[in-house]
PDB file of N, CA and C in Angstrom:
ATOM      1  N   MET A   1      21.047  79.118  10.218  1.00  0.00           N
ATOM      2  CA  MET A   1      20.375  77.988   9.878  1.00  0.00           C
ATOM      3  C   MET A   1      19.830  77.486  11.700  1.00  0.00           C
ATOM      4  N   GLY A   2      18.642  77.357  12.084  1.00  0.00           N
ATOM      5  CA  GLY A   2      18.694  76.962  13.192  1.00  0.00           C
ATOM      6  C   GLY A   2      18.837  75.349  13.354  1.00  0.00           C
ATOM      7  N   ARG A   3      18.182  75.021  14.145  1.00  0.00           N
ATOM      8  CA  ARG A   3      18.310  73.393  14.977  1.00  0.00           C
ATOM      9  C   ARG A   3      16.965  72.619  14.077  1.00  0.00           C
ATOM     10  N   TYR A   4      15.944  73.286  13.961  1.00  0.00           N
ATOM     11  CA  TYR A   4      14.898  72.551  13.358  1.00  0.00           C
ATOM     12  C   TYR A   4      15.067  72.824  12.009  1.00  0.00           C
ATOM     13  N   ALA A   5      15.217  73.534  11.376  1.00  0.00           N
ATOM     14  CA  ALA A   5      15.756  73.996  10.297  1.00  0.00           C
ATOM     15  C   ALA A   5      15.812  72.988   9.249  1.00  0.00           C
ATOM     16  N   GLU A   6      14.770  73.007   8.093  1.00  0.00           N
ATOM     17  CA  GLU A   6      15.475  71.865   7.119  1.00  0.00           C
ATOM     18  C   GLU A   6      16.989  72.218   6.269  1.00  0.00           C
ATOM     19  N   PRO A   7      17.339  71.247   6.077  1.00  0.00           N
ATOM     20  CA  PRO A   7      18.647  71.581   5.298  1.00  0.00           C
ATOM     21  C   PRO A   7      18.138  71.837   4.023  1.00  0.00           C
ATOM     22  N   PRO A   8      19.043  72.384   3.456  1.00  0.00           N
ATOM     23  CA  PRO A   8      19.099  72.983   1.816  1.00  0.00           C
ATOM     24  C   PRO A   8      18.700  71.680   0.790  1.00  0.00           C
ATOM     25  N   ASN A   9      18.862  70.448   1.387  1.00  0.00           N
ATOM     26  CA  ASN A   9      18.872  69.486   0.213  1.00  0.00           C
ATOM     27  C   ASN A   9      17.896  67.980   0.872  1.00  0.00           C
ATOM     28  N   SER A  10      16.907  68.797   1.899  1.00  0.00           N
ATOM     29  CA  SER A  10      16.117  67.840   2.041  1.00  0.00           C
ATOM     30  C   SER A  10      15.127  66.974   1.359  1.00  0.00           C
ATOM     31  N   LYS A  11      14.705  67.839   0.409  1.00  0.00           N
ATOM     32  CA  LYS A  11      13.675  67.178  -0.770  1.00  0.00           C
ATOM     33  C   LYS A  11      14.204  65.942  -1.577  1.00  0.00           C
ATOM     34  N   LYS A  12      15.750  66.187  -1.646  1.00  0.00           N
ATOM     35  CA  LYS A  12      16.466  65.070  -2.154  1.00  0.00           C
ATOM     36  C   LYS A  12      16.842  63.651  -1.144  1.00  0.00           C
ATOM     37  N   GLN A  13      17.163  64.064   0.034  1.00  0.00           N
ATOM     38  CA  GLN A  13      17.146  63.154   0.811  1.00  0.00           C
ATOM     39  C   GLN A  13      16.133  62.567   1.291  1.00  0.00           C
ATOM     40  N   ALA A  14      15.023  63.161   1.014  1.00  0.00           N
ATOM     41  CA  ALA A  14      13.709  62.371   1.029  1.00  0.00           C
ATOM     42  C   ALA A  14      13.289  61.508   0.078  1.00  0.00           C
ATOM     43  N   SER A  15      13.182  62.011  -0.855  1.00  0.00           N
ATOM     44  CA  SER A  15      13.020  61.079  -2.068  1.00  0.00           C
ATOM     45  C   SER A  15      14.259  60.251  -1.945  1.00  0.00           C
ATOM     46  N   GLY A  16      15.482  59.498  -1.820  1.00  0.00           N
ATOM     47  CA  GLY A  16      16.350  59.082  -1.371  1.00  0.00           C
ATOM     48  C   GLY A  16      15.661  57.972  -0.543  1.00  0.00           C
ATOM     49  N   GLN A  17      15.652  58.626   0.839  1.00  0.00           N
ATOM     50  CA  GLN A  17      14.961  57.191   1.629  1.00  0.00           C
ATOM     51  C   GLN A  17      13.689  56.889   1.444  1.00  0.00           C
ATOM     52  N   THR A  18      12.717  57.593   0.281  1.00  0.00           N
ATOM     53  CA  THR A  18      11.576  56.792  -0.078  1.00  0.00           C
ATOM     54  C   THR A  18      12.178  55.412  -0.863  1.00  0.00           C
ATOM     55  N   GLN A  19      12.758  56.277  -1.536  1.00  0.00           N
ATOM     56  CA  GLN A  19      13.750  55.367  -2.530  1.00  0.00           C
ATOM     57  C   GLN A  19      13.922  53.711  -2.054  1.00  0.00           C
ATOM     58  N   ALA A  20      14.865  54.353  -0.780  1.00  0.00           N
ATOM     59  CA  ALA A  20      15.337  53.399  -0.395  1.00  0.00           C
ATOM     60  C   ALA A  20      14.160  52.551   0.652  1.00  0.00           C
ATOM     61  N   ASN A  21      13.456  52.923   1.217  1.00  0.00           N
ATOM     62  CA  ASN A  21      13.054  52.135   1.933  1.00  0.00           C
ATOM     63  C   ASN A  21      11.972  51.306   0.868  1.00  0.00           C
ATOM     64  N   THR A  22      11.597  52.226  -0.220  1.00  0.00           N
ATOM     65  CA  THR A  22      11.073  51.241  -1.149  1.00  0.00           C
ATOM     66  C   THR A  22      11.317  49.941  -1.792  1.00  0.00           C
ATOM     67  N   GLN A  23      12.974  49.570  -1.839  1.00  0.00           N
ATOM     68  CA  GLN A  23      13.680  48.933  -2.404  1.00  0.00           C
ATOM     69  C   GLN A  23      14.034  48.025  -0.874  1.00  0.00           C
ATOM     70  N   GLY A  24      14.058  48.660  -0.383  1.00  0.00           N
ATOM     71  CA  GLY A  24      14.182  47.504   1.334  1.00  0.00           C
ATOM     72  C   GLY A  24      12.818  46.471   1.167  1.00  0.00           C
ATOM     73  N   ALA A  25      11.750  47.527   0.842  1.00  0.00           N
ATOM     74  CA  ALA A  25      10.205  46.478   0.892  1.00  0.00           C
ATOM     75  C   ALA A  25      10.424  45.351  -0.229  1.00  0.00           C
ATOM     76  N   ARG A  26      10.810  46.025  -1.172  1.00  0.00           N
ATOM     77  CA  ARG A  26      11.006  44.812  -2.633  1.00  0.00           C
ATOM     78  C   ARG A  26      11.595  43.717  -2.331  1.00  0.00           C
ATOM     79  N   ARG A  27      12.587  43.771  -1.450  1.00  0.00           N
ATOM     80  CA  ARG A  27      14.017  43.357  -1.381  1.00  0.00           C
ATOM     81  C   ARG A  27      13.109  42.044  -0.105  1.00  0.00           C
ATOM     82  N   ARG A  28      12.448  42.746   0.423  1.00  0.00           N
ATOM     83  CA  ARG A  28      11.884  41.543   2.061  1.00  0.00           C
ATOM     84  C   ARG A  28      10.565  40.541   1.176  1.00  0.00           C
ATOM     85  N   LYS A  29      10.107  41.329   0.601  1.00  0.00           N
ATOM     86  CA  LYS A  29       8.750  40.491  -0.237  1.00  0.00           C
ATOM     87  C   LYS A  29       9.571  39.427  -1.169  1.00  0.00           C
ATOM     88  N   ARG A  30      10.478  39.340  -2.152  1.00  0.00           N
ATOM     89  CA  ARG A  30      11.259  38.887  -2.826  1.00  0.00           C
ATOM     90  C   ARG A  30      11.909  37.636  -1.820  1.00  0.00           C
ATOM     91  N   ILE A  31      12.422  38.214  -0.657  1.00  0.00           N
ATOM     92  CA  ILE A  31      12.711  37.175   0.178  1.00  0.00           C
ATOM     93  C   ILE A  31      11.587  36.366   0.651  1.00  0.00           C
ATOM     94  N   PHE A  32      10.588  36.715   1.364  1.00  0.00           N
ATOM     95  CA  PHE A  32       9.680  36.203   1.408  1.00  0.00           C
ATOM     96  C   PHE A  32       8.711  35.075   0.566  1.00  0.00           C
ATOM     97  N   PHE A  33       8.931  35.846  -0.332  1.00  0.00           N
ATOM     98  CA  PHE A  33       8.248  34.773  -1.798  1.00  0.00           C
ATOM     99  C   PHE A  33       9.124  33.894  -2.032  1.00  0.00           C
ATOM    100  N   THR A  34      10.306  33.808  -2.194  1.00  0.00           N
ATOM    101  CA  THR A  34      11.277  33.126  -2.409  1.00  0.00           C
ATOM    102  C   THR A  34      10.910  31.628  -1.514  1.00  0.00           C
ATOM    103  N   ILE A  35      11.227  32.276   0.184  1.00  0.00           N
ATOM    104  CA  ILE A  35      10.922  30.970   1.486  1.00  0.00           C
ATOM    105  C   ILE A  35       9.399  30.534   0.786  1.00  0.00           C
ATOM    106  N   MET A  36       8.747  31.261   0.780  1.00  0.00           N
ATOM    107  CA  MET A  36       7.034  30.704   0.381  1.00  0.00           C
ATOM    108  C   MET A  36       6.935  29.488  -0.693  1.00  0.00           C
ATOM    109  N   ALA A  37       8.231  29.457  -1.715  1.00  0.00           N
ATOM    110  CA  ALA A  37       8.180  29.322  -3.184  1.00  0.00           C
ATOM    111  C   ALA A  37       9.022  27.992  -2.527  1.00  0.00           C
ATOM    112  N   LEU A  38      10.058  27.738  -1.540  1.00  0.00           N
ATOM    113  CA  LEU A  38      10.892  26.825  -1.267  1.00  0.00           C
ATOM    114  C   LEU A  38      10.028  26.209   0.079  1.00  0.00           C
ATOM    115  N   PHE A  39       9.303  26.452   0.933  1.00  0.00           N
ATOM    116  CA  PHE A  39       8.333  25.868   1.603  1.00  0.00           C
ATOM    117  C   PHE A  39       6.962  24.880   0.926  1.00  0.00           C
ATOM    118  N   LEU A  40       6.878  25.890  -0.120  1.00  0.00           N
ATOM    119  CA  LEU A  40       5.869  24.864  -1.252  1.00  0.00           C
ATOM    120  C   LEU A  40       6.360  24.015  -1.968  1.00  0.00           C
ATOM    121  N   ILE A  41       7.351  24.167  -2.093  1.00  0.00           N
ATOM    122  CA  ILE A  41       8.117  22.734  -2.787  1.00  0.00           C
ATOM    123  C   ILE A  41       8.689  21.524  -2.255  1.00  0.00           C
ATOM    124  N   TRP A  42       9.054  22.168  -0.991  1.00  0.00           N
ATOM    125  CA  TRP A  42       9.413  21.424  -0.208  1.00  0.00           C
ATOM    126  C   TRP A  42       8.166  20.180   0.672  1.00  0.00           C
ATOM    127  N   ALA A  43       6.717  20.467   0.617  1.00  0.00           N
ATOM    128  CA  ALA A  43       5.301  20.474   1.397  1.00  0.00           C
ATOM    129  C   ALA A  43       5.044  19.684   0.073  1.00  0.00           C
ATOM    130  N   GLY A  44       5.247  20.185  -0.845  1.00  0.00           N
ATOM    131  CA  GLY A  44       4.806  19.138  -2.302  1.00  0.00           C
ATOM    132  C   GLY A  44       5.893  17.706  -2.209  1.00  0.00           C
ATOM    133  N   SER A  45       6.432  18.440  -2.509  1.00  0.00           N
ATOM    134  CA  SER A  45       7.300  16.937  -2.586  1.00  0.00           C
ATOM    135  C   SER A  45       7.370  15.595  -1.609  1.00  0.00           C
ATOM    136  N   SER A  46       7.608  16.418  -0.372  1.00  0.00           N
ATOM    137  CA  SER A  46       6.866  15.361   1.107  1.00  0.00           C
ATOM    138  C   SER A  46       5.346  15.186   0.628  1.00  0.00           C
ATOM    139  N   LEU A  47       4.703  15.306   0.453  1.00  0.00           N
ATOM    140  CA  LEU A  47       3.680  14.856   0.233  1.00  0.00           C
ATOM    141  C   LEU A  47       3.079  14.046  -1.607  1.00  0.00           C
ATOM    142  N   TRP A  48       4.076  14.176  -1.946  1.00  0.00           N
ATOM    143  CA  TRP A  48       4.162  12.978  -3.210  1.00  0.00           C
ATOM    144  C   TRP A  48       4.638  11.725  -2.329  1.00  0.00           C
ATOM    145  N   SER A  49       6.007  12.020  -1.669  1.00  0.00           N
ATOM    146  CA  SER A  49       6.773  11.038  -1.553  1.00  0.00           C
ATOM    147  C   SER A  49       5.557  10.096  -0.227  1.00  0.00           C
ATOM    148  N   GLN A  50       5.071  10.602   0.492  1.00  0.00           N
ATOM    149  CA  GLN A  50       4.121  10.033   1.435  1.00  0.00           C
ATOM    150  C   GLN A  50       2.882   9.152   0.488  1.00  0.00           C
ATOM    151  N   ASN A  51       2.372  10.004  -0.741  1.00  0.00           N
ATOM    152  CA  ASN A  51       1.744   9.096  -1.329  1.00  0.00           C
ATOM    153  C   ASN A  51       2.084   8.063  -1.714  1.00  0.00           C
ATOM    154  N   ASP A  52       3.168   8.601  -2.114  1.00  0.00           N
ATOM    155  CA  ASP A  52       3.677   7.164  -3.207  1.00  0.00           C
ATOM    156  C   ASP A  52       3.812   6.271  -1.899  1.00  0.00           C
ATOM    157  N   ARG A  53       4.062   6.013  -1.063  1.00  0.00           N
ATOM    158  CA  ARG A  53       4.711   5.412   0.087  1.00  0.00           C
ATOM    159  C   ARG A  53       2.903   4.500   0.645  1.00  0.00           C
ATOM    160  N   ILE A  54       2.525   5.208   0.954  1.00  0.00           N
ATOM    161  CA  ILE A  54       0.587   4.837   0.923  1.00  0.00           C
ATOM    162  C   ILE A  54       0.291   4.089  -0.224  1.00  0.00           C
ATOM    163  N   ARG A  55       0.500   4.104  -1.541  1.00  0.00           N
ATOM    164  CA  ARG A  55       0.283   3.700  -2.660  1.00  0.00           C
ATOM    165  C   ARG A  55       0.774   1.890  -2.490  1.00  0.00           C
ATOM    166  N   LYS A  56       2.415   1.985  -2.390  1.00  0.00           N
ATOM    167  CA  LYS A  56       2.549   0.877  -2.440  1.00  0.00           C
ATOM    168  C   LYS A  56       2.303   0.174  -0.725  1.00  0.00           C
ATOM    169  N   GLN A  57       2.347   0.396   0.346  1.00  0.00           N
ATOM    170  CA  GLN A  57       1.431   0.295   0.869  1.00  0.00           C
ATOM    171  C   GLN A  57       0.440  -0.923   1.027  1.00  0.00           C
ATOM    172  N   ASN A  58      -0.860   0.030   0.510  1.00  0.00           N
ATOM    173  CA  ASN A  58      -2.122  -0.480   0.066  1.00  0.00           C
ATOM    174  C   ASN A  58      -2.187  -1.684  -0.922  1.00  0.00           C
ATOM    175  N   GLU A  59      -0.679  -1.117  -1.767  1.00  0.00           N
ATOM    176  CA  GLU A  59      -0.989  -2.632  -3.306  1.00  0.00           C
ATOM    177  C   GLU A  59      -0.149  -4.075  -2.092  1.00  0.00           C
ATOM    178  N   ALA A  60       0.833  -3.763  -1.207  1.00  0.00           N
ATOM    179  CA  ALA A  60       1.034  -5.226  -0.234  1.00  0.00           C
ATOM    180  C   ALA A  60       0.086  -5.529   0.545  1.00  0.00           C
ATOM    181  N   LEU A  61      -0.775  -4.756   0.865  1.00  0.00           N
ATOM    182  CA  LEU A  61      -2.027  -5.377   1.928  1.00  0.00           C
ATOM    183  C   LEU A  61      -3.068  -5.814   1.254  1.00  0.00           C
ATOM    184  N   GLU A  62      -2.994  -5.692   0.252  1.00  0.00           N
ATOM    185  CA  GLU A  62      -4.104  -6.228  -1.371  1.00  0.00           C
ATOM    186  C   GLU A  62      -3.170  -7.126  -1.452  1.00  0.00           C
ATOM    187  N   GLU A  63      -2.313  -7.198  -1.581  1.00  0.00           N
ATOM    188  CA  GLU A  63      -1.605  -8.812  -1.775  1.00  0.00           C
ATOM    189  C   GLU A  63      -1.558 -10.059  -0.670  1.00  0.00           C
ATOM    190  N   LYS A  64      -1.501  -8.774   0.358  1.00  0.00           N
ATOM    191  CA  LYS A  64      -1.513  -9.734   1.738  1.00  0.00           C
ATOM    192  C   LYS A  64      -2.695 -11.220   2.078  1.00  0.00           C
ATOM    193  N   GLN A  65      -3.753  -9.607   1.798  1.00  0.00           N
ATOM    194  CA  GLN A  65      -5.207 -10.032   1.699  1.00  0.00           C
ATOM    195  C   GLN A  65      -5.670 -11.240   1.087  1.00  0.00           C
ATOM    196  N   GLN A  66      -5.133 -11.287  -0.348  1.00  0.00           N
ATOM    197  CA  GLN A  66      -5.068 -12.533  -1.774  1.00  0.00           C
ATOM    198  C   GLN A  66      -4.435 -13.669  -0.555  1.00  0.00           C
ATOM    199  N   GLN A  67      -3.331 -13.828  -0.506  1.00  0.00           N
ATOM    200  CA  GLN A  67      -2.298 -14.817   0.129  1.00  0.00           C
ATOM    201  C   GLN A  67      -3.296 -15.360   1.427  1.00  0.00           C
ATOM    202  N   TYR A  68      -3.792 -14.070   2.074  1.00  0.00           N
ATOM    203  CA  TYR A  68      -5.091 -14.585   3.636  1.00  0.00           C
ATOM    204  C   TYR A  68      -6.125 -15.501   2.931  1.00  0.00           C
ATOM    205  N   LYS A  69      -6.766 -14.915   1.952  1.00  0.00           N
ATOM    206  CA  LYS A  69      -7.915 -15.566   1.320  1.00  0.00           C
ATOM    207  C   LYS A  69      -7.615 -17.541   1.071  1.00  0.00           C
ATOM    208  N   VAL A  70      -5.958 -17.442   0.137  1.00  0.00           N
ATOM    209  CA  VAL A  70      -6.174 -18.541  -0.351  1.00  0.00           C
ATOM    210  C   VAL A  70      -5.758 -19.852   0.965  1.00  0.00           C
ATOM    211  N   ILE A  71      -5.462 -19.372   1.385  1.00  0.00           N
ATOM    212  CA  ILE A  71      -4.655 -19.654   3.133  1.00  0.00           C
ATOM    213  C   ILE A  71      -5.744 -20.018   3.897  1.00  0.00           C
ATOM    214  N   GLU A  72      -6.704 -19.393   4.216  1.00  0.00           N
ATOM    215  CA  GLU A  72      -8.067 -19.321   4.358  1.00  0.00           C
ATOM    216  C   GLU A  72      -9.277 -20.559   3.908  1.00  0.00           C
ATOM    217  N   GLN A  73      -8.674 -20.783   2.287  1.00  0.00           N
ATOM    218  CA  GLN A  73      -9.855 -21.551   1.972  1.00  0.00           C
ATOM    219  C   GLN A  73      -9.156 -23.015   1.750  1.00  0.00           C
ATOM    220  N   SER A  74      -7.015 -23.563   1.731  1.00  0.00           N
ATOM    221  CA  SER A  74      -6.764 -24.580   2.134  1.00  0.00           C
ATOM    222  C   SER A  74      -6.688 -25.032   3.569  1.00  0.00           C
ATOM    223  N   MET A  75      -7.526 -24.021   4.468  1.00  0.00           N
ATOM    224  CA  MET A  75      -7.055 -24.312   5.876  1.00  0.00           C
ATOM    225  C   MET A  75      -8.411 -25.076   6.331  1.00  0.00           C
ATOM    226  N   ASN A  76      -9.969 -24.297   5.341  1.00  0.00           N
ATOM    227  CA  ASN A  76     -11.035 -25.223   5.235  1.00  0.00           C
ATOM    228  C   ASN A  76     -10.844 -26.120   4.876  1.00  0.00           C
ATOM    229  N   GLN A  77     -10.560 -26.779   3.614  1.00  0.00           N
ATOM    230  CA  GLN A  77     -10.323 -27.697   2.950  1.00  0.00           C
ATOM    231  C   GLN A  77      -9.718 -28.519   3.778  1.00  0.00           C
ATOM    232  N   LEU A  78      -8.851 -28.558   4.402  1.00  0.00           N
ATOM    233  CA  LEU A  78      -7.987 -29.102   5.595  1.00  0.00           C
ATOM    234  C   LEU A  78      -9.094 -29.691   6.811  1.00  0.00           C
ATOM    235  N   GLN A  79      -9.552 -29.067   7.132  1.00  0.00           N
ATOM    236  CA  GLN A  79     -10.449 -29.118   8.088  1.00  0.00           C
ATOM    237  C   GLN A  79     -11.910 -29.968   7.684  1.00  0.00           C
ATOM    238  N   HIS A  80     -11.920 -30.118   6.852  1.00  0.00           N
ATOM    239  CA  HIS A  80     -13.242 -30.634   6.193  1.00  0.00           C
ATOM    240  C   HIS A  80     -12.095 -31.724   6.234  1.00  0.00           C
ATOM    241  N   GLU A  81     -11.541 -32.387   5.131  1.00  0.00           N
ATOM    242  CA  GLU A  81     -10.909 -33.546   5.423  1.00  0.00           C
ATOM    243  C   GLU A  81     -10.518 -33.938   6.721  1.00  0.00           C
ATOM    244  N   VAL A  82     -10.528 -33.755   7.685  1.00  0.00           N
ATOM    245  CA  VAL A  82     -10.198 -33.971   8.760  1.00  0.00           C
ATOM    246  C   VAL A  82     -11.381 -34.425  10.058  1.00  0.00           C
ATOM    247  N   GLU A  83     -12.475 -33.660   9.395  1.00  0.00           N
ATOM    248  CA  GLU A  83     -13.655 -34.182   9.326  1.00  0.00           C
ATOM    249  C   GLU A  83     -14.054 -35.653   8.951  1.00  0.00           C
ATOM    250  N   ARG A  84     -13.915 -35.558   7.863  1.00  0.00           N
ATOM    251  CA  ARG A  84     -14.046 -36.532   7.251  1.00  0.00           C
ATOM    252  C   ARG A  84     -13.356 -38.194   7.798  1.00  0.00           C
ATOM    253  N   LEU A  85     -11.958 -37.674   8.180  1.00  0.00           N
ATOM    254  CA  LEU A  85     -11.477 -38.724   8.317  1.00  0.00           C
ATOM    255  C   LEU A  85     -11.975 -39.029   9.836  1.00  0.00           C
ATOM    256  N   ASN A  86     -12.976 -38.656  10.858  1.00  0.00           N
ATOM    257  CA  ASN A  86     -13.474 -38.754  11.885  1.00  0.00           C
ATOM    258  C   ASN A  86     -14.192 -39.749  11.085  1.00  0.00           C
ATOM    259  N   ASP A  87     -14.719 -40.020  10.481  1.00  0.00           N
ATOM    260  CA  ASP A  87     -15.949 -41.024  10.072  1.00  0.00           C
ATOM    261  C   ASP A  87     -15.862 -42.101   9.938  1.00  0.00           C
ATOM    262  N   PRO A  88     -15.997 -43.237   9.973  1.00  0.00           N
ATOM    263  CA  PRO A  88     -15.757 -44.938  10.480  1.00  0.00           C
ATOM    264  C   PRO A  88     -15.904 -45.150   8.612  1.00  0.00           C
ATOM    265  N   GLU A  89     -16.750 -44.913   7.817  1.00  0.00           N
ATOM    266  CA  GLU A  89     -17.576 -45.461   6.542  1.00  0.00           C
ATOM    267  C   GLU A  89     -16.624 -44.753   5.667  1.00  0.00           C
ATOM    268  N   TYR A  90     -15.923 -43.298   5.919  1.00  0.00           N
ATOM    269  CA  TYR A  90     -15.045 -42.806   5.010  1.00  0.00           C
ATOM    270  C   TYR A  90     -13.254 -43.203   5.012  1.00  0.00           C
ATOM    271  N   ILE A  91     -13.075 -44.106   6.033  1.00  0.00           N
ATOM    272  CA  ILE A  91     -12.044 -44.480   6.915  1.00  0.00           C
ATOM    273  C   ILE A  91     -12.121 -45.951   5.918  1.00  0.00           C
ATOM    274  N   GLY A  92     -13.445 -46.511   6.207  1.00  0.00           N
ATOM    275  CA  GLY A  92     -13.253 -47.879   5.325  1.00  0.00           C
ATOM    276  C   GLY A  92     -13.133 -47.704   3.372  1.00  0.00           C
ATOM    277  N   GLN A  93     -13.615 -46.978   2.985  1.00  0.00           N
ATOM    278  CA  GLN A  93     -13.521 -46.358   1.689  1.00  0.00           C
ATOM    279  C   GLN A  93     -12.174 -45.954   1.562  1.00  0.00           C
ATOM    280  N   ILE A  94     -11.280 -45.557   2.043  1.00  0.00           N
ATOM    281  CA  ILE A  94      -9.722 -45.127   1.741  1.00  0.00           C
ATOM    282  C   ILE A  94      -8.870 -46.452   1.578  1.00  0.00           C
ATOM    283  N   ALA A  95      -9.658 -47.405   2.787  1.00  0.00           N
ATOM    284  CA  ALA A  95      -9.102 -48.229   2.786  1.00  0.00           C
ATOM    285  C   ALA A  95      -8.848 -49.390   1.946  1.00  0.00           C
ATOM    286  N   ARG A  96     -10.323 -49.459   1.461  1.00  0.00           N
ATOM    287  CA  ARG A  96     -10.883 -50.653   0.170  1.00  0.00           C
ATOM    288  C   ARG A  96      -9.775 -49.680  -0.922  1.00  0.00           C
ATOM    289  N   LYS A  97     -10.017 -48.729  -1.499  1.00  0.00           N
ATOM    290  CA  LYS A  97      -9.533 -48.209  -2.312  1.00  0.00           C
ATOM    291  C   LYS A  97      -8.205 -47.833  -2.620  1.00  0.00           C
ATOM    292  N   LYS A  98      -7.497 -48.036  -1.993  1.00  0.00           N
ATOM    293  CA  LYS A  98      -5.673 -47.410  -1.646  1.00  0.00           C
ATOM    294  C   LYS A  98      -5.170 -48.720  -1.348  1.00  0.00           C
ATOM    295  N   PHE A  99      -5.773 -49.103  -0.304  1.00  0.00           N
ATOM    296  CA  PHE A  99      -4.963 -50.390   0.060  1.00  0.00           C
ATOM    297  C   PHE A  99      -5.502 -51.876  -0.200  1.00  0.00           C
ATOM    298  N   GLY A 100      -6.162 -51.593  -0.438  1.00  0.00           N
ATOM    299  CA  GLY A 100      -6.992 -53.249  -0.835  1.00  0.00           C
ATOM    300  C   GLY A 100      -7.998 -53.955  -0.199  1.00  0.00           C
ATOM    301  N   LEU A 101      -8.018 -53.950   1.354  1.00  0.00           N
ATOM    302  CA  LEU A 101      -8.145 -54.159   2.293  1.00  0.00           C
ATOM    303  C   LEU A 101     -10.281 -54.165   2.467  1.00  0.00           C
ATOM    304  N   TYR A 102     -10.623 -55.615   2.851  1.00  0.00           N
ATOM    305  CA  TYR A 102     -12.204 -55.679   2.779  1.00  0.00           C
ATOM    306  C   TYR A 102     -12.389 -56.035   3.964  1.00  0.00           C
ATOM    307  N   LEU A 103     -13.451 -56.350   3.972  1.00  0.00           N
ATOM    308  CA  LEU A 103     -14.078 -56.655   5.474  1.00  0.00           C
ATOM    309  C   LEU A 103     -13.839 -58.095   5.387  1.00  0.00           C
ATOM    310  N   PRO A 104     -14.083 -58.877   6.168  1.00  0.00           N
ATOM    311  CA  PRO A 104     -14.163 -60.129   6.130  1.00  0.00           C
ATOM    312  C   PRO A 104     -15.162 -61.403   5.428  1.00  0.00           C
ATOM    313  N   ASN A 105     -16.221 -60.880   5.231  1.00  0.00           N
ATOM    314  CA  ASN A 105     -18.056 -60.922   4.878  1.00  0.00           C
ATOM    315  C   ASN A 105     -17.919 -60.902   3.372  1.00  0.00           C
ATOM    316  N   GLU A 106     -16.791 -59.709   3.099  1.00  0.00           N
ATOM    317  CA  GLU A 106     -17.360 -58.935   1.757  1.00  0.00           C
ATOM    318  C   GLU A 106     -16.316 -59.426   0.722  1.00  0.00           C
ATOM    319  N   THR A 107     -17.044 -58.923  -0.658  1.00  0.00           N
ATOM    320  CA  THR A 107     -16.998 -59.706  -1.599  1.00  0.00           C
ATOM    321  C   THR A 107     -16.386 -58.457  -2.278  1.00  0.00           C
ATOM    322  N   PRO A 108     -15.148 -58.625  -3.105  1.00  0.00           N
ATOM    323  CA  PRO A 108     -15.163 -57.210  -3.915  1.00  0.00           C
ATOM    324  C   PRO A 108     -15.341 -57.704  -5.321  1.00  0.00           C
ATOM    325  N   ILE A 109     -15.609 -56.354  -6.085  1.00  0.00           N
ATOM    326  CA  ILE A 109     -15.806 -56.347  -7.405  1.00  0.00           C
ATOM    327  C   ILE A 109     -14.805 -55.840  -8.048  1.00  0.00           C
ATOM    328  N   ILE A 110     -13.808 -55.851  -8.687  1.00  0.00           N
ATOM    329  CA  ILE A 110     -12.846 -55.769  -9.841  1.00  0.00           C
ATOM    330  C   ILE A 110     -13.443 -55.341 -11.005  1.00  0.00           C
ATOM    331  N   GLN A 111     -13.229 -54.095 -11.269  1.00  0.00           N
ATOM    332  CA  GLN A 111     -13.845 -53.503 -12.806  1.00  0.00           C
ATOM    333  C   GLN A 111     -12.221 -53.776 -13.868  1.00  0.00           C
ATOM    334  N   PRO A 112     -12.415 -54.509 -14.752  1.00  0.00           N
ATOM    335  CA  PRO A 112     -11.294 -54.424 -15.820  1.00  0.00           C
ATOM    336  C   PRO A 112     -10.768 -53.086 -15.628  1.00  0.00           C
ATOM    337  N   GLN A 113      -9.458 -52.739 -16.108  1.00  0.00           N
ATOM    338  CA  GLN A 113      -9.050 -51.461 -16.867  1.00  0.00           C
ATOM    339  C   GLN A 113      -9.169 -51.277 -18.376  1.00  0.00           C
ATOM    340  N   ASN A 114      -9.760 -50.134 -18.727  1.00  0.00           N
ATOM    341  CA  ASN A 114      -9.341 -50.023 -20.051  1.00  0.00           C
ATOM    342  C   ASN A 114      -8.085 -49.911 -21.185  1.00  0.00           C
ATOM    343  N   SER A 115      -8.207 -50.580 -21.624  1.00  0.00           N
ATOM    344  CA  SER A 115      -6.727 -51.180 -22.357  1.00  0.00           C
ATOM    345  C   SER A 115      -7.173 -50.607 -23.814  1.00  0.00           C
ATOM    346  N   GLY A 116      -7.842 -50.008 -23.922  1.00  0.00           N
ATOM    347  CA  GLY A 116      -8.128 -49.180 -25.041  1.00  0.00           C
ATOM    348  C   GLY A 116      -8.925 -50.204 -26.444  1.00  0.00           C
ATOM    349  N   GLU A 117      -9.531 -51.054 -25.798  1.00  0.00           N
ATOM    350  CA  GLU A 117     -10.293 -51.777 -26.593  1.00  0.00           C
ATOM    351  C   GLU A 117     -11.188 -51.989 -26.321  1.00  0.00           C
ATOM    352  N   SER A 118     -12.480 -52.015 -27.108  1.00  0.00           N
ATOM    353  CA  SER A 118     -14.110 -51.520 -27.006  1.00  0.00           C
ATOM    354  C   SER A 118     -14.470 -53.141 -26.141  1.00  0.00           C
ATOM    355  N   PRO A 119     -15.547 -53.439 -25.449  1.00  0.00           N
ATOM    356  CA  PRO A 119     -16.120 -54.642 -25.004  1.00  0.00           C
ATOM    357  C   PRO A 119     -16.757 -55.204 -26.223  1.00  0.00           C
TER     358      PRO A 119
END
C-alpha cells in the first residue's frame, strides 16, 4: 500500500465521518434554537414588563391630570372671589349680611324668620 492509497475500511470511515458531521450539525442547530428561544423569552418578558410599567404611568398621569383640573377650577373660583372683594359694593353686601353693618342714612328691612307657621 502506498502513501496515497485508500485504506481498506475507507467507506466505513467516510460514512462514520458523515454521520459525525450530521450529528454535530444537529447539535449546533439545537444549541442555536435553544439560545434563540431563550432570547425570545427574555425579550418577551422584558416587553411585557415595560408595557405594564407604561400602563401604570399612564394611569398615574391621568390621575394627576384630574387633580390638576380640580385645582385649576378651585384656583379660578378663588381668583373670581378676589376680584369680587375688590368691588366696594360687594364688600358692603358682605358687611350688611354677615356683620349687620349699615350706612348712616340706611334703614334696614329685616324679614322675620319662618318658624314653621304660615302668615
